[in-house]
Amino acid sequence: MAARSPLLGWCAGLLAFAVAAAWSWVPSMWADELATAEAVSSLAELRRVLADRDVVFVPYYLLMLLWSWFGGADWWLRLPSAIGVGVAAGLLADLGRRLGGVRAGVCAAALLVALPSMSRYGQEARPYALAVAAAVLSFWALHRALDRGERRDWVLYGVAVAMLPCTHLFAVLVLPAHLVVAAVARARVWRPLLVSMGLGCLPAAALAVASASQVGQVGWLGVPGWRDLVLVRSAITSWRPEPEVGHLPALLLGWAVAAVGVLGALLLWRASPRAGLGRGFAAGAVVWGVLPPLLLFAVSQVATPVYNTRYVLAAAPGLVLLAGWAVSRLRVPVAAVAVVIAVALAWPQQVRLREAGGHEVDYRSAAGWVSAERAQGDAVVFAVPWVREGLSRYGELPRELGAAPAAGRVWLVREETSRAVRPGTDLPSRYGLAEVGAAKVTRLLSEGFTVRRQHGWRGVTVLLLERQAEAR
């Protein structure tokens, strides 16, 4: 068994990495990923960005700044997240093996890879998948330290704890589960545990202080309702607030993993000695999976909104670990069928997120259309600012319309909408636009522009405008 344990982790990690990285070059980057690409384009640009926002992402941006020296393609900037998913799956497989044998490790890793949220954020140029890896690493290192108790194991644990806030500040919300593990296991190691945890939390304190003045970054979040609560809309079920292709199967998968995870905790508790790591991790993994979402949800109700599904992604492996342990208790054919059912439920969203608009927008197709159809003298108008970065990344666009009247055709780019054109007319609509966007449309109307052609993709609509006289 011991001889096969490294091989199990490596195989699970490589498979998870391959799944997460597959077709990562197809979806267009969305606004947050574009922010990453912009921030790490140069050291000067990173300094400018940090002066205004995203101080909490300093460790991640520094990593990506070094990473971007070797390339700037979409798939390359997303690759660290795919590596994060691979590391998380490999360590979870080994942790599951330590708790319940090889089959438990295999089932836990398979269920983690099946979750659409792991592939979604494993293909995103943001730090959330790395936070998942750091969370699993911290529990893996905790088990190693409690099991062996050597000084180097506690040093490794301290390093793992320090990596949590360096990936995402809210990843430290898994730490109370560490205390639960130690308390339930009746481990007499409180001094090294608290010292290692305390030293490891220093980066969290530094980042919290440094980013305190930028709390307005999450000002766009609203107070979450019951639909946003864990297991209804969460990292383990689905990251999208609105129903889409594969939404219901993904929700069913999330509910199933959570329910089987709780059952697994009960079974692991009963199968373990009263004072042992089995019971400790049975209780601790439940807290790992449940506390971070509930805590952010509660804070959002009584203080300021901070709940978002991707902020609690690091909690998902807790219930997955327990669910894997429970599934491994079944006979091999039944366990294999259970994993196949999980993959089948996840399949629609796994396919969806790898399409051109899989990351909520399809800037690449929109930019390709404008680039192919543009003519000499054309100009472009962006009704919302964030579509500028998206289209500019994927195509050669006309010049942006300045103060002078447009001499030729104008391309109007806005978010996806069913009312790009005023009903009953061929005039562009101000519907759904902020004040600055509506003002741009008003200008085009005053200059006599009407819609000649329009095309919509996921997240973006493009209109080709001409003056009325020219259009005739």
Protein backbone atom coordinates (compact mmCIF):
# COMPACT_ATOMS: atom_id res chain seq x y z
CA MET A 1 0.00 0.00 0.00
CA ALA A 2 2.75 2.44 0.98
CA ALA A 3 4.61 1.76 -2.22
CA ARG A 4 1.58 2.62 -4.31
CA SER A 5 0.63 5.78 -2.44
CA PRO A 6 2.90 8.21 -4.34
CA LEU A 7 1.80 6.68 -7.65
CA LEU A 8 -1.87 7.16 -6.73
CA GLY A 9 -1.42 10.85 -6.01
CA TRP A 10 0.62 11.48 -9.14
CA CYS A 11 -1.82 9.63 -11.40
CA ALA A 12 -4.83 11.42 -9.92
CA GLY A 13 -3.07 14.77 -10.19
CA LEU A 14 -2.01 14.30 -13.79
CA LEU A 15 -5.48 13.16 -14.81
CA ALA A 16 -7.12 16.11 -13.07
CA PHE A 17 -4.67 18.52 -14.67
CA ALA A 18 -5.37 17.08 -18.12
CA VAL A 19 -9.13 17.39 -17.63
CA ALA A 20 -8.89 20.97 -16.37
CA ALA A 21 -6.52 22.07 -19.12
CA ALA A 22 -8.44 20.41 -21.97
CA TRP A 23 -9.76 22.98 -24.46
CA SER A 24 -8.73 25.84 -22.18
CA TRP A 25 -7.69 27.80 -25.27
CA VAL A 26 -11.24 27.89 -26.69
CA PRO A 27 -13.29 30.15 -24.33
CA SER A 28 -12.73 33.88 -24.46
CA MET A 29 -11.40 35.54 -21.35
CA TRP A 30 -14.05 37.34 -19.35
CA ALA A 31 -13.66 40.62 -17.43
CA ASP A 32 -11.77 39.27 -14.40
CA GLU A 33 -9.34 37.30 -16.52
CA LEU A 34 -8.76 40.32 -18.72
CA ALA A 35 -7.95 42.25 -15.52
CA THR A 36 -5.29 39.67 -14.73
CA ALA A 37 -3.83 39.86 -18.24
CA GLU A 38 -3.73 43.65 -17.99
CA ALA A 39 -2.17 43.71 -14.51
CA VAL A 40 0.69 41.35 -15.38
CA SER A 41 1.47 42.82 -18.78
CA SER A 42 4.37 44.75 -17.19
CA LEU A 43 5.74 45.69 -13.80
CA ALA A 44 4.74 49.31 -14.36
CA GLU A 45 1.18 48.28 -15.18
CA LEU A 46 1.05 46.07 -12.08
CA ARG A 47 2.11 49.01 -9.91
CA ARG A 48 -0.61 51.16 -11.48
CA VAL A 49 -3.27 48.51 -10.91
CA LEU A 50 -2.28 47.89 -7.29
CA ALA A 51 -2.42 51.59 -6.53
CA ASP A 52 -6.09 51.49 -7.42
CA ARG A 53 -7.31 47.95 -6.68
CA ASP A 54 -6.51 44.26 -6.18
CA VAL A 55 -3.87 44.56 -3.44
CA VAL A 56 -5.38 41.40 -2.00
CA PHE A 57 -4.14 39.57 -5.12
CA VAL A 58 -0.50 40.74 -4.82
CA PRO A 59 0.99 37.22 -4.36
CA TYR A 60 -0.99 35.84 -7.29
CA TYR A 61 -0.16 38.78 -9.54
CA LEU A 62 3.54 38.48 -8.76
CA LEU A 63 3.40 34.80 -9.66
CA MET A 64 1.58 35.58 -12.89
CA LEU A 65 3.97 38.41 -13.73
CA LEU A 66 6.82 35.91 -13.73
CA TRP A 67 4.68 33.34 -15.54
CA SER A 68 3.75 35.81 -18.28
CA TRP A 69 7.40 36.34 -19.16
CA PHE A 70 7.16 33.02 -21.03
CA GLY A 71 3.93 33.82 -22.89
CA GLY A 72 0.65 35.64 -22.84
CA ALA A 73 -1.76 33.30 -24.64
CA ASP A 74 -5.06 32.50 -22.96
CA TRP A 75 -4.19 28.86 -22.34
CA TRP A 76 -0.82 29.79 -20.88
CA LEU A 77 -2.23 32.32 -18.42
CA ARG A 78 -4.84 29.75 -17.38
CA LEU A 79 -2.34 26.92 -16.96
CA PRO A 80 -1.42 27.67 -13.29
CA SER A 81 -5.08 27.17 -12.37
CA ALA A 82 -5.13 23.80 -14.15
CA ILE A 83 -1.98 22.88 -12.23
CA GLY A 84 -3.79 23.92 -9.04
CA VAL A 85 -6.64 21.50 -9.79
CA GLY A 86 -4.10 18.76 -10.47
CA VAL A 87 -2.30 19.39 -7.18
CA ALA A 88 -5.61 19.45 -5.30
CA ALA A 89 -6.78 16.16 -6.81
CA GLY A 90 -3.44 14.46 -6.19
CA LEU A 91 -3.26 15.51 -2.55
CA LEU A 92 -6.94 14.71 -1.97
CA ALA A 93 -6.39 11.23 -3.41
CA ASP A 94 -3.50 10.68 -1.00
CA LEU A 95 -5.45 12.10 1.94
CA GLY A 96 -8.38 9.84 1.10
CA ARG A 97 -6.01 6.89 0.92
CA ARG A 98 -4.64 7.71 4.36
CA LEU A 99 -8.15 7.86 5.81
CA GLY A 100 -9.79 4.92 4.04
CA GLY A 101 -7.48 3.16 1.62
CA VAL A 102 -6.68 3.42 -2.07
CA ARG A 103 -10.30 3.13 -3.19
CA ALA A 104 -11.29 6.08 -0.99
CA GLY A 105 -8.54 8.16 -2.52
CA VAL A 106 -9.50 7.23 -6.06
CA CYS A 107 -13.19 7.99 -5.48
CA ALA A 108 -12.47 11.35 -3.82
CA ALA A 109 -10.21 12.47 -6.66
CA ALA A 110 -12.68 11.27 -9.30
CA LEU A 111 -15.57 13.18 -7.72
CA LEU A 112 -13.47 16.34 -7.43
CA VAL A 113 -12.53 16.18 -11.11
CA ALA A 114 -16.17 15.56 -12.05
CA LEU A 115 -17.36 18.82 -10.47
CA PRO A 116 -17.89 21.40 -13.25
CA SER A 117 -16.72 24.15 -10.91
CA MET A 118 -13.25 22.60 -10.75
CA SER A 119 -12.88 22.67 -14.53
CA ARG A 120 -14.45 26.13 -14.75
CA TYR A 121 -11.98 27.71 -12.36
CA GLY A 122 -9.22 25.38 -13.45
CA GLN A 123 -9.51 27.20 -16.79
CA GLU A 124 -9.53 30.71 -15.39
CA ALA A 125 -6.66 33.18 -15.05
CA ARG A 126 -7.60 33.94 -11.45
CA PRO A 127 -6.37 32.41 -8.16
CA TYR A 128 -9.44 30.42 -7.07
CA ALA A 129 -8.21 26.99 -8.20
CA LEU A 130 -4.90 27.69 -6.47
CA ALA A 131 -6.89 28.40 -3.30
CA VAL A 132 -8.44 24.93 -3.63
CA ALA A 133 -4.96 23.43 -3.92
CA ALA A 134 -3.73 25.38 -0.89
CA ALA A 135 -6.74 24.25 1.17
CA VAL A 136 -6.20 20.58 0.34
CA LEU A 137 -2.47 20.95 0.97
CA SER A 138 -3.15 22.41 4.42
CA PHE A 139 -5.33 19.45 5.44
CA TRP A 140 -2.91 16.96 3.92
CA ALA A 141 -0.03 18.58 5.84
CA LEU A 142 -2.15 18.65 9.02
CA HIS A 143 -2.81 14.91 8.75
CA ARG A 144 0.89 14.27 8.18
CA ALA A 145 1.88 16.41 11.19
CA LEU A 146 -0.71 14.87 13.52
CA ASP A 147 0.16 11.37 12.35
CA ARG A 148 3.95 11.63 12.60
CA GLY A 149 4.53 14.69 14.77
CA GLU A 150 8.03 15.48 13.48
CA ARG A 151 9.31 19.04 13.50
CA ARG A 152 9.71 19.18 9.73
CA ASP A 153 6.07 18.13 9.38
CA TRP A 154 4.94 21.11 11.45
CA VAL A 155 7.18 23.39 9.37
CA LEU A 156 5.48 22.06 6.25
CA TYR A 157 2.11 22.63 7.87
CA GLY A 158 3.02 26.23 8.68
CA VAL A 159 4.07 26.81 5.07
CA ALA A 160 0.78 25.30 3.86
CA VAL A 161 -1.22 27.60 6.14
CA ALA A 162 0.76 30.61 4.88
CA MET A 163 -0.14 29.68 1.29
CA LEU A 164 -3.88 29.95 1.98
CA PRO A 165 -4.15 33.77 2.05
CA CYS A 166 -1.52 34.05 -0.67
CA THR A 167 -3.97 32.33 -3.02
CA HIS A 168 -7.13 34.02 -1.73
CA LEU A 169 -7.71 35.81 1.56
CA PHE A 170 -10.99 34.02 2.27
CA ALA A 171 -9.25 30.64 1.96
CA VAL A 172 -8.19 31.06 5.61
CA LEU A 173 -11.81 30.31 6.52
CA VAL A 174 -10.92 26.61 6.34
CA LEU A 175 -8.63 26.98 9.38
CA PRO A 176 -11.34 26.51 12.05
CA ALA A 177 -11.80 23.03 10.60
CA HIS A 178 -8.15 22.31 11.48
CA LEU A 179 -8.91 23.05 15.12
CA VAL A 180 -11.92 20.76 14.96
CA VAL A 181 -9.74 17.95 13.58
CA ALA A 182 -7.24 18.31 16.39
CA ALA A 183 -9.88 18.65 19.11
CA VAL A 184 -11.98 15.66 18.04
CA ALA A 185 -8.89 13.53 17.44
CA ARG A 186 -7.76 14.49 20.96
CA ALA A 187 -4.34 15.31 19.63
CA ARG A 188 -1.95 16.54 22.30
CA VAL A 189 -0.10 18.83 19.97
CA TRP A 190 -1.75 22.15 20.61
CA ARG A 191 1.48 24.08 21.04
CA PRO A 192 3.08 23.21 17.65
CA LEU A 193 -0.32 23.40 16.00
CA LEU A 194 -1.10 26.90 17.24
CA VAL A 195 2.46 28.15 16.67
CA SER A 196 2.52 26.87 13.10
CA MET A 197 -0.96 28.20 12.44
CA GLY A 198 -0.12 31.57 13.99
CA LEU A 199 3.04 32.04 11.95
CA GLY A 200 1.24 30.86 8.86
CA CYS A 201 -1.49 33.45 9.38
CA LEU A 202 0.94 36.39 9.26
CA PRO A 203 0.52 36.78 5.46
CA ALA A 204 -3.25 36.84 5.98
CA ALA A 205 -2.94 39.67 8.50
CA ALA A 206 -0.60 41.63 6.21
CA LEU A 207 -2.91 41.26 3.20
CA ALA A 208 -5.97 42.16 5.24
CA VAL A 209 -4.36 45.36 6.48
CA ALA A 210 -2.94 46.29 3.06
CA SER A 211 -6.27 45.77 1.29
CA ALA A 212 -8.51 47.34 3.94
CA SER A 213 -8.68 50.63 2.03
CA GLN A 214 -9.88 48.80 -1.09
CA VAL A 215 -12.92 47.11 0.44
CA GLY A 216 -14.99 48.88 -2.20
CA GLN A 217 -13.76 46.24 -4.67
CA VAL A 218 -16.61 44.01 -3.53
CA GLY A 219 -19.10 46.86 -3.54
CA TRP A 220 -20.81 45.31 -6.57
CA LEU A 221 -21.98 42.35 -4.49
CA GLY A 222 -25.54 42.35 -3.24
CA VAL A 223 -26.92 40.81 -0.07
CA PRO A 224 -27.29 37.09 -0.88
CA GLY A 225 -30.66 35.40 -0.61
CA TRP A 226 -31.54 31.81 0.09
CA ARG A 227 -30.91 30.88 -3.55
CA ASP A 228 -27.27 31.89 -3.11
CA LEU A 229 -26.78 29.79 0.00
CA VAL A 230 -24.48 26.80 -0.05
CA LEU A 231 -25.86 23.77 -1.93
CA VAL A 232 -28.31 25.97 -3.84
CA ARG A 233 -25.84 28.13 -5.70
CA SER A 234 -22.34 27.31 -4.58
CA ALA A 235 -18.94 26.20 -5.71
CA ILE A 236 -19.91 22.57 -5.30
CA THR A 237 -23.12 22.82 -7.32
CA SER A 238 -23.07 25.58 -9.91
CA TRP A 239 -21.40 28.96 -10.19
CA ARG A 240 -24.12 30.55 -12.33
CA PRO A 241 -27.07 32.42 -10.77
CA GLU A 242 -29.28 31.91 -13.81
CA PRO A 243 -30.31 28.53 -15.25
CA GLU A 244 -28.35 27.50 -18.32
CA VAL A 245 -27.37 24.36 -20.20
CA GLY A 246 -26.67 21.60 -17.68
CA HIS A 247 -27.65 23.72 -14.68
CA LEU A 248 -30.12 21.26 -13.11
CA PRO A 249 -27.88 18.18 -13.46
CA ALA A 250 -25.03 20.13 -11.88
CA LEU A 251 -27.27 21.11 -8.97
CA LEU A 252 -28.31 17.48 -8.53
CA LEU A 253 -24.66 16.43 -8.54
CA GLY A 254 -23.84 19.03 -5.91
CA TRP A 255 -26.70 17.97 -3.67
CA ALA A 256 -25.70 14.33 -4.10
CA VAL A 257 -22.04 14.96 -3.26
CA ALA A 258 -23.04 16.98 -0.18
CA ALA A 259 -25.55 14.40 1.05
CA VAL A 260 -23.21 11.46 0.47
CA GLY A 261 -20.43 13.49 2.10
CA VAL A 262 -22.45 13.91 5.30
CA LEU A 263 -23.26 10.19 5.21
CA GLY A 264 -19.56 9.49 4.72
CA ALA A 265 -18.75 11.58 7.79
CA LEU A 266 -21.14 9.48 9.88
CA LEU A 267 -19.71 6.23 8.55
CA LEU A 268 -16.11 7.35 9.05
CA TRP A 269 -16.97 8.48 12.58
CA ARG A 270 -18.45 5.08 13.46
CA ALA A 271 -15.59 3.17 11.84
CA SER A 272 -12.85 5.10 13.65
CA PRO A 273 -11.46 4.87 17.18
CA ARG A 274 -12.80 7.40 19.69
CA ALA A 275 -9.53 9.28 19.80
CA GLY A 276 -8.08 9.13 16.33
CA LEU A 277 -7.56 10.97 13.08
CA GLY A 278 -10.52 9.23 11.46
CA ARG A 279 -13.06 10.88 13.71
CA GLY A 280 -11.10 14.10 13.65
CA PHE A 281 -11.26 14.34 9.87
CA ALA A 282 -14.86 13.12 9.78
CA ALA A 283 -15.88 16.17 11.82
CA GLY A 284 -13.26 18.52 10.42
CA ALA A 285 -14.08 17.83 6.78
CA VAL A 286 -17.75 18.68 7.41
CA VAL A 287 -16.70 22.00 8.92
CA TRP A 288 -14.31 22.49 6.00
CA GLY A 289 -17.13 22.09 3.50
CA VAL A 290 -19.86 23.98 5.33
CA LEU A 291 -18.38 26.77 7.47
CA PRO A 292 -16.78 29.09 4.84
CA PRO A 293 -19.96 29.57 2.77
CA LEU A 294 -22.17 29.90 5.84
CA LEU A 295 -19.79 32.38 7.45
CA LEU A 296 -19.59 34.63 4.39
CA PHE A 297 -23.35 34.36 3.98
CA ALA A 298 -23.88 35.45 7.60
CA VAL A 299 -21.42 38.35 7.34
CA SER A 300 -23.20 39.48 4.18
CA GLN A 301 -26.49 39.62 6.09
CA VAL A 302 -25.31 41.60 9.12
CA ALA A 303 -22.36 43.64 7.82
CA THR A 304 -21.25 44.06 4.21
CA PRO A 305 -21.92 41.71 1.28
CA VAL A 306 -18.91 39.47 0.70
CA TYR A 307 -20.51 36.23 -0.48
CA ASN A 308 -19.67 34.92 -3.91
CA THR A 309 -19.46 31.32 -5.04
CA ARG A 310 -15.88 31.54 -6.25
CA TYR A 311 -14.79 33.01 -2.91
CA VAL A 312 -15.76 29.72 -1.20
CA LEU A 313 -14.41 27.35 -3.84
CA ALA A 314 -11.76 26.14 -1.39
CA ALA A 315 -14.53 24.61 0.75
CA ALA A 316 -15.71 22.14 -1.90
CA PRO A 317 -13.04 19.41 -1.36
CA GLY A 318 -14.17 18.89 2.25
CA LEU A 319 -17.47 17.25 1.35
CA VAL A 320 -15.92 15.65 -1.74
CA LEU A 321 -13.37 13.89 0.48
CA LEU A 322 -16.10 12.44 2.66
CA ALA A 323 -18.26 11.52 -0.33
CA GLY A 324 -15.32 9.66 -1.84
CA TRP A 325 -14.85 7.75 1.39
CA ALA A 326 -18.54 6.78 1.45
CA VAL A 327 -18.59 5.67 -2.21
CA SER A 328 -15.47 3.57 -1.65
CA ARG A 329 -17.37 1.52 0.95
CA LEU A 330 -19.59 0.17 -1.84
CA ARG A 331 -18.70 -2.83 -3.92
CA VAL A 332 -16.37 -1.97 -6.75
CA PRO A 333 -18.95 -2.26 -9.57
CA VAL A 334 -21.47 -0.15 -7.63
CA ALA A 335 -18.82 2.46 -6.79
CA ALA A 336 -17.80 2.61 -10.44
CA VAL A 337 -21.43 3.16 -11.48
CA ALA A 338 -21.75 5.95 -8.91
CA VAL A 339 -18.71 7.74 -10.34
CA VAL A 340 -20.02 7.29 -13.89
CA ILE A 341 -23.36 8.81 -12.86
CA ALA A 342 -21.50 11.79 -11.35
CA VAL A 343 -19.60 12.30 -14.60
CA ALA A 344 -22.84 12.02 -16.60
CA LEU A 345 -24.54 14.68 -14.45
CA ALA A 346 -21.56 16.99 -14.85
CA TRP A 347 -21.11 16.39 -18.57
CA PRO A 348 -23.45 19.09 -19.99
CA GLN A 349 -21.69 21.86 -18.06
CA GLN A 350 -18.27 20.34 -18.64
CA VAL A 351 -18.96 20.68 -22.36
CA ARG A 352 -20.60 24.09 -22.05
CA LEU A 353 -17.70 25.72 -20.22
CA ARG A 354 -15.30 24.64 -22.97
CA GLU A 355 -17.24 26.36 -25.75
CA ALA A 356 -16.30 29.73 -27.23
CA GLY A 357 -18.60 31.50 -24.76
CA GLY A 358 -17.90 29.11 -21.92
CA HIS A 359 -16.62 31.88 -19.65
CA GLU A 360 -19.82 33.90 -20.00
CA VAL A 361 -18.65 35.96 -23.00
CA ASP A 362 -17.52 35.26 -26.55
CA TYR A 363 -15.29 38.22 -27.35
CA ARG A 364 -13.19 36.19 -29.77
CA SER A 365 -16.06 35.58 -32.21
CA ALA A 366 -17.27 39.17 -31.96
CA ALA A 367 -13.79 40.55 -32.58
CA GLY A 368 -13.33 38.14 -35.49
CA TRP A 369 -16.51 39.41 -37.15
CA VAL A 370 -15.54 43.06 -36.78
CA SER A 371 -11.98 42.41 -37.97
CA ALA A 372 -13.17 40.53 -41.06
CA GLU A 373 -15.89 43.01 -42.05
CA ARG A 374 -14.32 46.35 -41.19
CA ALA A 375 -13.56 48.84 -43.96
CA GLN A 376 -11.37 51.90 -44.42
CA GLY A 377 -12.72 54.83 -42.41
CA ASP A 378 -14.76 52.73 -39.98
CA ALA A 379 -14.89 53.63 -36.28
CA VAL A 380 -15.89 51.68 -33.20
CA VAL A 381 -17.91 52.74 -30.14
CA PHE A 382 -17.93 50.77 -26.90
CA ALA A 383 -21.19 51.25 -25.01
CA VAL A 384 -19.70 49.60 -21.90
CA PRO A 385 -16.01 49.94 -21.03
CA TRP A 386 -15.16 46.31 -20.26
CA VAL A 387 -15.99 45.07 -23.77
CA ARG A 388 -13.15 47.25 -25.09
CA GLU A 389 -10.51 45.05 -23.48
CA GLY A 390 -12.26 41.90 -24.62
CA LEU A 391 -12.52 42.73 -28.31
CA SER A 392 -9.13 44.44 -28.42
CA ARG A 393 -7.49 41.24 -27.20
CA TYR A 394 -8.90 39.09 -29.98
CA GLY A 395 -8.99 41.22 -33.11
CA GLU A 396 -7.76 44.20 -35.07
CA LEU A 397 -10.44 46.81 -34.57
CA PRO A 398 -11.19 50.14 -36.27
CA ARG A 399 -10.14 53.31 -34.51
CA GLU A 400 -12.32 54.36 -31.60
CA LEU A 401 -14.72 57.18 -32.48
CA GLY A 402 -13.41 60.54 -31.30
CA ALA A 403 -14.99 63.94 -30.89
CA ALA A 404 -15.32 64.63 -34.63
CA PRO A 405 -18.39 63.32 -36.51
CA ALA A 406 -17.95 59.84 -37.93
CA ALA A 407 -16.88 59.85 -41.58
CA GLY A 408 -17.97 56.29 -42.39
CA ARG A 409 -19.55 53.32 -40.72
CA VAL A 410 -19.59 52.81 -36.96
CA TRP A 411 -19.43 49.54 -35.06
CA LEU A 412 -21.37 49.74 -31.80
CA VAL A 413 -20.35 47.15 -29.21
CA ARG A 414 -22.46 46.51 -26.13
CA GLU A 415 -23.35 43.71 -23.73
CA GLU A 416 -25.63 40.97 -24.97
CA THR A 417 -29.22 42.17 -25.11
CA SER A 418 -32.47 41.27 -26.82
CA ARG A 419 -33.14 44.97 -27.48
CA ALA A 420 -30.09 46.15 -29.36
CA VAL A 421 -32.48 47.85 -31.77
CA ARG A 422 -35.49 49.96 -30.81
CA PRO A 423 -38.67 47.93 -31.40
CA GLY A 424 -40.29 48.80 -34.72
CA THR A 425 -37.29 50.75 -36.01
CA ASP A 426 -33.80 50.22 -37.35
CA LEU A 427 -32.33 52.60 -34.76
CA PRO A 428 -29.97 51.52 -31.95
CA SER A 429 -31.59 51.22 -28.53
CA ARG A 430 -30.50 52.84 -25.28
CA TYR A 431 -32.14 49.98 -23.37
CA GLY A 432 -30.01 48.45 -20.64
CA LEU A 433 -27.19 50.98 -20.92
CA ALA A 434 -25.64 53.05 -18.18
CA GLU A 435 -25.59 56.83 -18.54
CA VAL A 436 -22.27 56.92 -20.37
CA GLY A 437 -23.39 54.24 -22.84
CA ALA A 438 -26.76 55.86 -23.46
CA ALA A 439 -24.98 59.13 -24.22
CA LYS A 440 -22.91 57.42 -26.91
CA VAL A 441 -26.02 55.97 -28.53
CA THR A 442 -27.71 59.37 -28.37
CA ARG A 443 -24.79 60.89 -30.25
CA LEU A 444 -25.02 58.28 -33.01
CA LEU A 445 -28.74 58.92 -33.33
CA SER A 446 -28.17 62.67 -33.59
CA GLU A 447 -25.70 62.06 -36.41
CA GLY A 448 -28.30 60.07 -38.33
CA PHE A 449 -26.99 56.53 -37.89
CA THR A 450 -29.22 53.49 -38.25
CA VAL A 451 -28.57 49.77 -37.90
CA ARG A 452 -27.47 47.97 -41.03
CA ARG A 453 -26.43 44.65 -39.50
CA GLN A 454 -26.24 43.16 -36.03
CA HIS A 455 -24.94 39.99 -34.49
CA GLY A 456 -25.06 38.62 -30.97
CA TRP A 457 -22.86 36.15 -29.13
CA ARG A 458 -22.85 35.12 -25.51
CA GLY A 459 -22.26 38.24 -23.45
CA VAL A 460 -21.79 40.70 -26.33
CA THR A 461 -23.82 42.26 -29.16
CA VAL A 462 -22.29 44.12 -32.11
CA LEU A 463 -24.17 46.48 -34.43
CA LEU A 464 -22.89 47.89 -37.73
CA LEU A 465 -24.30 51.40 -38.18
CA GLU A 466 -24.46 53.68 -41.22
CA ARG A 467 -25.89 57.10 -41.79
CA GLN A 468 -29.46 56.96 -43.08
CA ALA A 469 -28.65 58.54 -46.43
CA GLU A 470 -25.73 56.16 -46.99
CA ALA A 471 -27.77 53.14 -45.94
CA ARG A 472 -30.32 53.82 -48.68
